[in-house]
Amino acid sequence: MSDFDIKAIRRQVRAMDFVRGTPAEVAMWHEDMADSRANLVIEDMIPTRNDDAFFEMMLDEGVPPPLVSQILLRLLDHPDADRSLPVTPMGAH
């Protein structure tokens, strides 16, 4: 994907107002992420260490999967990104 500044993104995520996942939800999301990662590896689309760190940080912060997707789109400055999210696109750093 990209070389994310995990510390900067964590600060922005912590400043956001959203309902964080419960420990049980985060555990389920962690299992789902492991399954998704395994599928990517099977397809020879191996995530980088930075990719893994990004998604692990999102789990640590209890970010629900739909919001993770929105944050990722915003970071990548994708045309479908929610511009109201308080996340700085990577190219703007």
PDB file of N, CA and C in Angstrom:
ATOM      1  N   MET A   1       0.843  -1.191   0.000  1.00  0.00           N
ATOM      2  CA  MET A   1       0.000   0.000   0.000  1.00  0.00           C
ATOM      3  C   MET A   1       0.879   1.242   0.000  1.00  0.00           C
ATOM      4  N   SER A   2       1.166   1.748   1.193  1.00  0.00           N
ATOM      5  CA  SER A   2       1.952   2.966   1.314  1.00  0.00           C
ATOM      6  C   SER A   2       2.786   2.902   2.578  1.00  0.00           C
ATOM      7  N   ASP A   3       3.653   3.887   2.738  1.00  0.00           N
ATOM      8  CA  ASP A   3       4.474   3.951   3.939  1.00  0.00           C
ATOM      9  C   ASP A   3       3.806   4.922   4.912  1.00  0.00           C
ATOM     10  N   PHE A   4       2.946   4.383   5.757  1.00  0.00           N
ATOM     11  CA  PHE A   4       2.171   5.199   6.687  1.00  0.00           C
ATOM     12  C   PHE A   4       3.020   5.646   7.873  1.00  0.00           C
ATOM     13  N   ASP A   5       2.802   6.875   8.325  1.00  0.00           N
ATOM     14  CA  ASP A   5       3.397   7.369   9.557  1.00  0.00           C
ATOM     15  C   ASP A   5       2.440   6.953  10.679  1.00  0.00           C
ATOM     16  N   ILE A   6       2.702   5.794  11.249  1.00  0.00           N
ATOM     17  CA  ILE A   6       1.781   5.185  12.217  1.00  0.00           C
ATOM     18  C   ILE A   6       1.552   6.104  13.422  1.00  0.00           C
ATOM     19  N   LYS A   7       2.608   6.726  13.929  1.00  0.00           N
ATOM     20  CA  LYS A   7       2.457   7.601  15.109  1.00  0.00           C
ATOM     21  C   LYS A   7       1.552   8.788  14.807  1.00  0.00           C
ATOM     22  N   ALA A   8       1.739   9.404  13.646  1.00  0.00           N
ATOM     23  CA  ALA A   8       0.910  10.559  13.273  1.00  0.00           C
ATOM     24  C   ALA A   8      -0.545  10.137  13.083  1.00  0.00           C
ATOM     25  N   ILE A   9      -0.755   9.000  12.448  1.00  0.00           N
ATOM     26  CA  ILE A   9      -2.126   8.524  12.226  1.00  0.00           C
ATOM     27  C   ILE A   9      -2.771   8.181  13.561  1.00  0.00           C
ATOM     28  N   ARG A  10      -2.009   7.551  14.465  1.00  0.00           N
ATOM     29  CA  ARG A  10      -2.562   7.217  15.787  1.00  0.00           C
ATOM     30  C   ARG A  10      -3.034   8.479  16.506  1.00  0.00           C
ATOM     31  N   ARG A  11      -2.245   9.553  16.445  1.00  0.00           N
ATOM     32  CA  ARG A  11      -2.649  10.811  17.091  1.00  0.00           C
ATOM     33  C   ARG A  11      -3.966  11.319  16.502  1.00  0.00           C
ATOM     34  N   GLN A  12      -4.094  11.244  15.186  1.00  0.00           N
ATOM     35  CA  GLN A  12      -5.316  11.722  14.540  1.00  0.00           C
ATOM     36  C   GLN A  12      -6.508  10.839  14.910  1.00  0.00           C
ATOM     37  N   VAL A  13      -6.291   9.533  14.951  1.00  0.00           N
ATOM     38  CA  VAL A  13      -7.369   8.607  15.313  1.00  0.00           C
ATOM     39  C   VAL A  13      -7.808   8.855  16.750  1.00  0.00           C
ATOM     40  N   ARG A  14      -6.856   9.044  17.649  1.00  0.00           N
ATOM     41  CA  ARG A  14      -7.199   9.277  19.054  1.00  0.00           C
ATOM     42  C   ARG A  14      -7.981  10.566  19.249  1.00  0.00           C
ATOM     43  N   ALA A  15      -7.807  11.525  18.355  1.00  0.00           N
ATOM     44  CA  ALA A  15      -8.539  12.793  18.448  1.00  0.00           C
ATOM     45  C   ALA A  15      -9.948  12.695  17.861  1.00  0.00           C
ATOM     46  N   MET A  16     -10.223  11.595  17.166  1.00  0.00           N
ATOM     47  CA  MET A  16     -11.534  11.434  16.527  1.00  0.00           C
ATOM     48  C   MET A  16     -12.595  11.007  17.541  1.00  0.00           C
ATOM     49  N   ASP A  17     -13.820  11.408  17.262  1.00  0.00           N
ATOM     50  CA  ASP A  17     -14.957  11.032  18.097  1.00  0.00           C
ATOM     51  C   ASP A  17     -15.715   9.908  17.399  1.00  0.00           C
ATOM     52  N   PHE A  18     -15.550   8.679  17.907  1.00  0.00           N
ATOM     53  CA  PHE A  18     -16.266   7.534  17.357  1.00  0.00           C
ATOM     54  C   PHE A  18     -16.418   6.493  18.461  1.00  0.00           C
ATOM     55  N   VAL A  19     -17.320   5.569  18.260  1.00  0.00           N
ATOM     56  CA  VAL A  19     -17.543   4.502  19.245  1.00  0.00           C
ATOM     57  C   VAL A  19     -16.511   3.411  18.997  1.00  0.00           C
ATOM     58  N   ARG A  20     -15.641   3.240  19.970  1.00  0.00           N
ATOM     59  CA  ARG A  20     -14.612   2.212  19.861  1.00  0.00           C
ATOM     60  C   ARG A  20     -15.207   0.827  20.115  1.00  0.00           C
ATOM     61  N   GLY A  21     -14.597  -0.170  19.508  1.00  0.00           N
ATOM     62  CA  GLY A  21     -15.059  -1.533  19.676  1.00  0.00           C
ATOM     63  C   GLY A  21     -14.811  -2.048  21.085  1.00  0.00           C
ATOM     64  N   THR A  22     -15.657  -2.947  21.510  1.00  0.00           N
ATOM     65  CA  THR A  22     -15.464  -3.614  22.795  1.00  0.00           C
ATOM     66  C   THR A  22     -14.309  -4.608  22.656  1.00  0.00           C
ATOM     67  N   PRO A  23     -13.757  -5.079  23.764  1.00  0.00           N
ATOM     68  CA  PRO A  23     -12.696  -6.090  23.661  1.00  0.00           C
ATOM     69  C   PRO A  23     -13.134  -7.327  22.860  1.00  0.00           C
ATOM     70  N   ALA A  24     -14.384  -7.751  23.010  1.00  0.00           N
ATOM     71  CA  ALA A  24     -14.878  -8.912  22.252  1.00  0.00           C
ATOM     72  C   ALA A  24     -14.943  -8.599  20.758  1.00  0.00           C
ATOM     73  N   GLU A  25     -15.404  -7.395  20.411  1.00  0.00           N
ATOM     74  CA  GLU A  25     -15.460  -7.002  19.000  1.00  0.00           C
ATOM     75  C   GLU A  25     -14.055  -6.924  18.402  1.00  0.00           C
ATOM     76  N   VAL A  26     -13.135  -6.312  19.144  1.00  0.00           N
ATOM     77  CA  VAL A  26     -11.763  -6.180  18.652  1.00  0.00           C
ATOM     78  C   VAL A  26     -11.141  -7.558  18.441  1.00  0.00           C
ATOM     79  N   ALA A  27     -11.418  -8.499  19.342  1.00  0.00           N
ATOM     80  CA  ALA A  27     -10.905  -9.868  19.181  1.00  0.00           C
ATOM     81  C   ALA A  27     -11.452 -10.489  17.900  1.00  0.00           C
ATOM     82  N   MET A  28     -12.728 -10.274  17.625  1.00  0.00           N
ATOM     83  CA  MET A  28     -13.340 -10.797  16.406  1.00  0.00           C
ATOM     84  C   MET A  28     -12.717 -10.134  15.172  1.00  0.00           C
ATOM     85  N   TRP A  29     -12.525  -8.805  15.233  1.00  0.00           N
ATOM     86  CA  TRP A  29     -11.920  -8.088  14.111  1.00  0.00           C
ATOM     87  C   TRP A  29     -10.494  -8.581  13.879  1.00  0.00           C
ATOM     88  N   HIS A  30      -9.789  -8.904  14.973  1.00  0.00           N
ATOM     89  CA  HIS A  30      -8.424  -9.405  14.850  1.00  0.00           C
ATOM     90  C   HIS A  30      -8.417 -10.732  14.090  1.00  0.00           C
ATOM     91  N   GLU A  31      -9.357 -11.617  14.415  1.00  0.00           N
ATOM     92  CA  GLU A  31      -9.479 -12.897  13.702  1.00  0.00           C
ATOM     93  C   GLU A  31      -9.821 -12.666  12.232  1.00  0.00           C
ATOM     94  N   ASP A  32     -10.751 -11.757  11.980  1.00  0.00           N
ATOM     95  CA  ASP A  32     -11.133 -11.437  10.599  1.00  0.00           C
ATOM     96  C   ASP A  32      -9.944 -10.887   9.815  1.00  0.00           C
ATOM     97  N   MET A  33      -9.145 -10.039  10.477  1.00  0.00           N
ATOM     98  CA  MET A  33      -7.977  -9.466   9.812  1.00  0.00           C
ATOM     99  C   MET A  33      -6.957 -10.561   9.485  1.00  0.00           C
ATOM    100  N   ALA A  34      -6.785 -11.491  10.410  1.00  0.00           N
ATOM    101  CA  ALA A  34      -5.848 -12.602  10.168  1.00  0.00           C
ATOM    102  C   ALA A  34      -6.305 -13.427   8.969  1.00  0.00           C
ATOM    103  N   ASP A  35      -7.608 -13.683   8.878  1.00  0.00           N
ATOM    104  CA  ASP A  35      -8.141 -14.420   7.730  1.00  0.00           C
ATOM    105  C   ASP A  35      -7.930 -13.645   6.428  1.00  0.00           C
ATOM    106  N   SER A  36      -8.188 -12.352   6.458  1.00  0.00           N
ATOM    107  CA  SER A  36      -8.005 -11.518   5.264  1.00  0.00           C
ATOM    108  C   SER A  36      -6.547 -11.485   4.835  1.00  0.00           C
ATOM    109  N   ARG A  37      -5.663 -11.375   5.820  1.00  0.00           N
ATOM    110  CA  ARG A  37      -4.225 -11.350   5.509  1.00  0.00           C
ATOM    111  C   ARG A  37      -3.801 -12.671   4.877  1.00  0.00           C
ATOM    112  N   ALA A  38      -4.292 -13.778   5.415  1.00  0.00           N
ATOM    113  CA  ALA A  38      -3.954 -15.093   4.858  1.00  0.00           C
ATOM    114  C   ALA A  38      -4.415 -15.189   3.406  1.00  0.00           C
ATOM    115  N   ASN A  39      -5.599 -14.668   3.120  1.00  0.00           N
ATOM    116  CA  ASN A  39      -6.106 -14.679   1.745  1.00  0.00           C
ATOM    117  C   ASN A  39      -5.232 -13.833   0.823  1.00  0.00           C
ATOM    118  N   LEU A  40      -4.763 -12.688   1.328  1.00  0.00           N
ATOM    119  CA  LEU A  40      -3.878 -11.847   0.524  1.00  0.00           C
ATOM    120  C   LEU A  40      -2.575 -12.577   0.201  1.00  0.00           C
ATOM    121  N   VAL A  41      -2.040 -13.277   1.186  1.00  0.00           N
ATOM    122  CA  VAL A  41      -0.795 -14.020   0.974  1.00  0.00           C
ATOM    123  C   VAL A  41      -1.005 -15.116  -0.065  1.00  0.00           C
ATOM    124  N   ILE A  42      -2.144 -15.799   0.014  1.00  0.00           N
ATOM    125  CA  ILE A  42      -2.466 -16.835  -0.972  1.00  0.00           C
ATOM    126  C   ILE A  42      -2.496 -16.241  -2.374  1.00  0.00           C
ATOM    127  N   GLU A  43      -3.011 -15.019  -2.489  1.00  0.00           N
ATOM    128  CA  GLU A  43      -3.097 -14.331  -3.783  1.00  0.00           C
ATOM    129  C   GLU A  43      -1.781 -13.643  -4.160  1.00  0.00           C
ATOM    130  N   ASP A  44      -0.728 -13.890  -3.382  1.00  0.00           N
ATOM    131  CA  ASP A  44       0.597 -13.304  -3.600  1.00  0.00           C
ATOM    132  C   ASP A  44       0.561 -11.775  -3.516  1.00  0.00           C
ATOM    133  N   MET A  45      -0.286 -11.276  -2.624  1.00  0.00           N
ATOM    134  CA  MET A  45      -0.375  -9.841  -2.352  1.00  0.00           C
ATOM    135  C   MET A  45       0.036  -9.639  -0.888  1.00  0.00           C
ATOM    136  N   ILE A  46       1.304  -9.854  -0.614  1.00  0.00           N
ATOM    137  CA  ILE A  46       1.794  -9.884   0.757  1.00  0.00           C
ATOM    138  C   ILE A  46       1.883  -8.465   1.323  1.00  0.00           C
ATOM    139  N   PRO A  47       1.147  -8.211   2.430  1.00  0.00           N
ATOM    140  CA  PRO A  47       1.222  -6.889   3.061  1.00  0.00           C
ATOM    141  C   PRO A  47       2.636  -6.618   3.587  1.00  0.00           C
ATOM    142  N   THR A  48       3.008  -5.350   3.569  1.00  0.00           N
ATOM    143  CA  THR A  48       4.304  -4.958   4.114  1.00  0.00           C
ATOM    144  C   THR A  48       4.223  -4.889   5.642  1.00  0.00           C
ATOM    145  N   ARG A  49       5.363  -4.758   6.276  1.00  0.00           N
ATOM    146  CA  ARG A  49       5.375  -4.579   7.736  1.00  0.00           C
ATOM    147  C   ARG A  49       4.619  -3.321   8.120  1.00  0.00           C
ATOM    148  N   ASN A  50       4.757  -2.275   7.299  1.00  0.00           N
ATOM    149  CA  ASN A  50       4.064  -1.026   7.580  1.00  0.00           C
ATOM    150  C   ASN A  50       2.554  -1.201   7.447  1.00  0.00           C
ATOM    151  N   ASP A  51       2.121  -1.952   6.435  1.00  0.00           N
ATOM    152  CA  ASP A  51       0.688  -2.247   6.288  1.00  0.00           C
ATOM    153  C   ASP A  51       0.176  -2.963   7.533  1.00  0.00           C
ATOM    154  N   ASP A  52       0.930  -3.990   7.948  1.00  0.00           N
ATOM    155  CA  ASP A  52       0.539  -4.753   9.140  1.00  0.00           C
ATOM    156  C   ASP A  52       0.488  -3.854  10.372  1.00  0.00           C
ATOM    157  N   ALA A  53       1.462  -2.955  10.504  1.00  0.00           N
ATOM    158  CA  ALA A  53       1.501  -2.046  11.652  1.00  0.00           C
ATOM    159  C   ALA A  53       0.300  -1.102  11.645  1.00  0.00           C
ATOM    160  N   PHE A  54      -0.086  -0.642  10.464  1.00  0.00           N
ATOM    161  CA  PHE A  54      -1.249   0.241  10.347  1.00  0.00           C
ATOM    162  C   PHE A  54      -2.505  -0.460  10.851  1.00  0.00           C
ATOM    163  N   PHE A  55      -2.746  -1.663  10.346  1.00  0.00           N
ATOM    164  CA  PHE A  55      -3.966  -2.373  10.736  1.00  0.00           C
ATOM    165  C   PHE A  55      -3.917  -2.814  12.200  1.00  0.00           C
ATOM    166  N   GLU A  56      -2.752  -3.164  12.697  1.00  0.00           N
ATOM    167  CA  GLU A  56      -2.619  -3.526  14.113  1.00  0.00           C
ATOM    168  C   GLU A  56      -2.913  -2.317  15.002  1.00  0.00           C
ATOM    169  N   MET A  57      -2.421  -1.144  14.598  1.00  0.00           N
ATOM    170  CA  MET A  57      -2.695   0.077  15.349  1.00  0.00           C
ATOM    171  C   MET A  57      -4.189   0.374  15.364  1.00  0.00           C
ATOM    172  N   MET A  58      -4.850   0.170  14.232  1.00  0.00           N
ATOM    173  CA  MET A  58      -6.294   0.396  14.181  1.00  0.00           C
ATOM    174  C   MET A  58      -7.022  -0.535  15.160  1.00  0.00           C
ATOM    175  N   LEU A  59      -6.579  -1.779  15.232  1.00  0.00           N
ATOM    176  CA  LEU A  59      -7.170  -2.704  16.199  1.00  0.00           C
ATOM    177  C   LEU A  59      -6.880  -2.250  17.628  1.00  0.00           C
ATOM    178  N   ASP A  60      -5.642  -1.831  17.880  1.00  0.00           N
ATOM    179  CA  ASP A  60      -5.272  -1.347  19.218  1.00  0.00           C
ATOM    180  C   ASP A  60      -6.158  -0.182  19.648  1.00  0.00           C
ATOM    181  N   GLU A  61      -6.531   0.648  18.697  1.00  0.00           N
ATOM    182  CA  GLU A  61      -7.363   1.820  18.992  1.00  0.00           C
ATOM    183  C   GLU A  61      -8.860   1.504  18.963  1.00  0.00           C
ATOM    184  N   GLY A  62      -9.214   0.262  18.639  1.00  0.00           N
ATOM    185  CA  GLY A  62     -10.625  -0.133  18.639  1.00  0.00           C
ATOM    186  C   GLY A  62     -11.439   0.484  17.524  1.00  0.00           C
ATOM    187  N   VAL A  63     -10.801   0.763  16.393  1.00  0.00           N
ATOM    188  CA  VAL A  63     -11.494   1.391  15.265  1.00  0.00           C
ATOM    189  C   VAL A  63     -12.320   0.336  14.524  1.00  0.00           C
ATOM    190  N   PRO A  64     -13.633   0.554  14.397  1.00  0.00           N
ATOM    191  CA  PRO A  64     -14.481  -0.408  13.673  1.00  0.00           C
ATOM    192  C   PRO A  64     -14.052  -0.525  12.204  1.00  0.00           C
ATOM    193  N   PRO A  65     -14.138  -1.725  11.628  1.00  0.00           N
ATOM    194  CA  PRO A  65     -13.700  -1.939  10.240  1.00  0.00           C
ATOM    195  C   PRO A  65     -14.240  -0.941   9.218  1.00  0.00           C
ATOM    196  N   PRO A  66     -15.532  -0.554   9.262  1.00  0.00           N
ATOM    197  CA  PRO A  66     -15.989   0.418   8.260  1.00  0.00           C
ATOM    198  C   PRO A  66     -15.244   1.760   8.361  1.00  0.00           C
ATOM    199  N   LEU A  67     -14.914   2.164   9.597  1.00  0.00           N
ATOM    200  CA  LEU A  67     -14.182   3.416   9.773  1.00  0.00           C
ATOM    201  C   LEU A  67     -12.723   3.248   9.348  1.00  0.00           C
ATOM    202  N   VAL A  68     -12.147   2.074   9.564  1.00  0.00           N
ATOM    203  CA  VAL A  68     -10.783   1.812   9.085  1.00  0.00           C
ATOM    204  C   VAL A  68     -10.733   2.043   7.579  1.00  0.00           C
ATOM    205  N   SER A  69     -11.722   1.509   6.875  1.00  0.00           N
ATOM    206  CA  SER A  69     -11.770   1.688   5.417  1.00  0.00           C
ATOM    207  C   SER A  69     -11.869   3.156   5.044  1.00  0.00           C
ATOM    208  N   GLN A  70     -12.693   3.900   5.769  1.00  0.00           N
ATOM    209  CA  GLN A  70     -12.852   5.326   5.477  1.00  0.00           C
ATOM    210  C   GLN A  70     -11.553   6.088   5.744  1.00  0.00           C
ATOM    211  N   ILE A  71     -10.884   5.756   6.845  1.00  0.00           N
ATOM    212  CA  ILE A  71      -9.620   6.405   7.180  1.00  0.00           C
ATOM    213  C   ILE A  71      -8.580   6.104   6.103  1.00  0.00           C
ATOM    214  N   LEU A  72      -8.530   4.861   5.685  1.00  0.00           N
ATOM    215  CA  LEU A  72      -7.575   4.463   4.649  1.00  0.00           C
ATOM    216  C   LEU A  72      -7.812   5.237   3.351  1.00  0.00           C
ATOM    217  N   LEU A  73      -9.067   5.356   2.946  1.00  0.00           N
ATOM    218  CA  LEU A  73      -9.380   6.131   1.741  1.00  0.00           C
ATOM    219  C   LEU A  73      -8.937   7.581   1.891  1.00  0.00           C
ATOM    220  N   ARG A  74      -9.156   8.139   3.071  1.00  0.00           N
ATOM    221  CA  ARG A  74      -8.769   9.538   3.313  1.00  0.00           C
ATOM    222  C   ARG A  74      -7.252   9.695   3.281  1.00  0.00           C
ATOM    223  N   LEU A  75      -6.532   8.749   3.909  1.00  0.00           N
ATOM    224  CA  LEU A  75      -5.071   8.802   3.897  1.00  0.00           C
ATOM    225  C   LEU A  75      -4.517   8.763   2.482  1.00  0.00           C
ATOM    226  N   LEU A  76      -5.158   7.966   1.641  1.00  0.00           N
ATOM    227  CA  LEU A  76      -4.714   7.814   0.257  1.00  0.00           C
ATOM    228  C   LEU A  76      -5.288   8.896  -0.655  1.00  0.00           C
ATOM    229  N   ASP A  77      -6.087   9.800  -0.071  1.00  0.00           N
ATOM    230  CA  ASP A  77      -6.731  10.895  -0.805  1.00  0.00           C
ATOM    231  C   ASP A  77      -7.528  10.371  -1.999  1.00  0.00           C
ATOM    232  N   HIS A  78      -8.211   9.268  -1.766  1.00  0.00           N
ATOM    233  CA  HIS A  78      -9.039   8.634  -2.792  1.00  0.00           C
ATOM    234  C   HIS A  78     -10.248   9.524  -3.096  1.00  0.00           C
ATOM    235  N   PRO A  79     -10.711   9.536  -4.325  1.00  0.00           N
ATOM    236  CA  PRO A  79     -11.878  10.362  -4.677  1.00  0.00           C
ATOM    237  C   PRO A  79     -13.137  10.022  -3.866  1.00  0.00           C
ATOM    238  N   ASP A  80     -13.254   8.786  -3.407  1.00  0.00           N
ATOM    239  CA  ASP A  80     -14.428   8.393  -2.621  1.00  0.00           C
ATOM    240  C   ASP A  80     -14.253   8.642  -1.126  1.00  0.00           C
ATOM    241  N   ALA A  81     -13.144   9.252  -0.734  1.00  0.00           N
ATOM    242  CA  ALA A  81     -12.872   9.485   0.685  1.00  0.00           C
ATOM    243  C   ALA A  81     -13.832  10.511   1.272  1.00  0.00           C
ATOM    244  N   ASP A  82     -14.127  10.308   2.547  1.00  0.00           N
ATOM    245  CA  ASP A  82     -14.947  11.255   3.296  1.00  0.00           C
ATOM    246  C   ASP A  82     -14.037  12.419   3.708  1.00  0.00           C
ATOM    247  N   ARG A  83     -14.192  13.544   3.042  1.00  0.00           N
ATOM    248  CA  ARG A  83     -13.320  14.701   3.275  1.00  0.00           C
ATOM    249  C   ARG A  83     -13.543  15.330   4.651  1.00  0.00           C
ATOM    250  N   SER A  84     -14.619  14.963   5.326  1.00  0.00           N
ATOM    251  CA  SER A  84     -14.873  15.543   6.647  1.00  0.00           C
ATOM    252  C   SER A  84     -14.088  14.834   7.755  1.00  0.00           C
ATOM    253  N   LEU A  85     -13.490  13.684   7.448  1.00  0.00           N
ATOM    254  CA  LEU A  85     -12.699  13.000   8.467  1.00  0.00           C
ATOM    255  C   LEU A  85     -11.463  13.819   8.816  1.00  0.00           C
ATOM    256  N   PRO A  86     -11.153  13.942  10.107  1.00  0.00           N
ATOM    257  CA  PRO A  86      -9.989  14.735  10.521  1.00  0.00           C
ATOM    258  C   PRO A  86      -8.689  13.948  10.378  1.00  0.00           C
ATOM    259  N   VAL A  87      -8.426  13.501   9.157  1.00  0.00           N
ATOM    260  CA  VAL A  87      -7.241  12.703   8.841  1.00  0.00           C
ATOM    261  C   VAL A  87      -6.530  13.411   7.693  1.00  0.00           C
ATOM    262  N   THR A  88      -5.232  13.590   7.845  1.00  0.00           N
ATOM    263  CA  THR A  88      -4.442  14.269   6.833  1.00  0.00           C
ATOM    264  C   THR A  88      -3.992  13.278   5.764  1.00  0.00           C
ATOM    265  N   PRO A  89      -4.361  13.519   4.512  1.00  0.00           N
ATOM    266  CA  PRO A  89      -3.885  12.632   3.444  1.00  0.00           C
ATOM    267  C   PRO A  89      -2.358  12.566   3.428  1.00  0.00           C
ATOM    268  N   MET A  90      -1.836  11.438   3.037  1.00  0.00           N
ATOM    269  CA  MET A  90      -0.387  11.216   3.090  1.00  0.00           C
ATOM    270  C   MET A  90       0.398  12.249   2.289  1.00  0.00           C
ATOM    271  N   GLY A  91      -0.084  12.624   1.142  1.00  0.00           N
ATOM    272  CA  GLY A  91       0.633  13.586   0.304  1.00  0.00           C
ATOM    273  C   GLY A  91       0.690  14.977   0.902  1.00  0.00           C
ATOM    274  N   ALA A  92      -0.127  15.242   1.907  1.00  0.00           N
ATOM    275  CA  ALA A  92      -0.186  16.586   2.508  1.00  0.00           C
ATOM    276  C   ALA A  92       0.747  16.738   3.693  1.00  0.00           C
ATOM    277  N   HIS A  93       1.469  15.692   4.072  1.00  0.00           N
ATOM    278  CA  HIS A  93       2.357  15.763   5.252  1.00  0.00           C
ATOM    279  C   HIS A  93       3.543  16.611   4.968  1.00  0.00           C
TER     280      HIS A  93
END
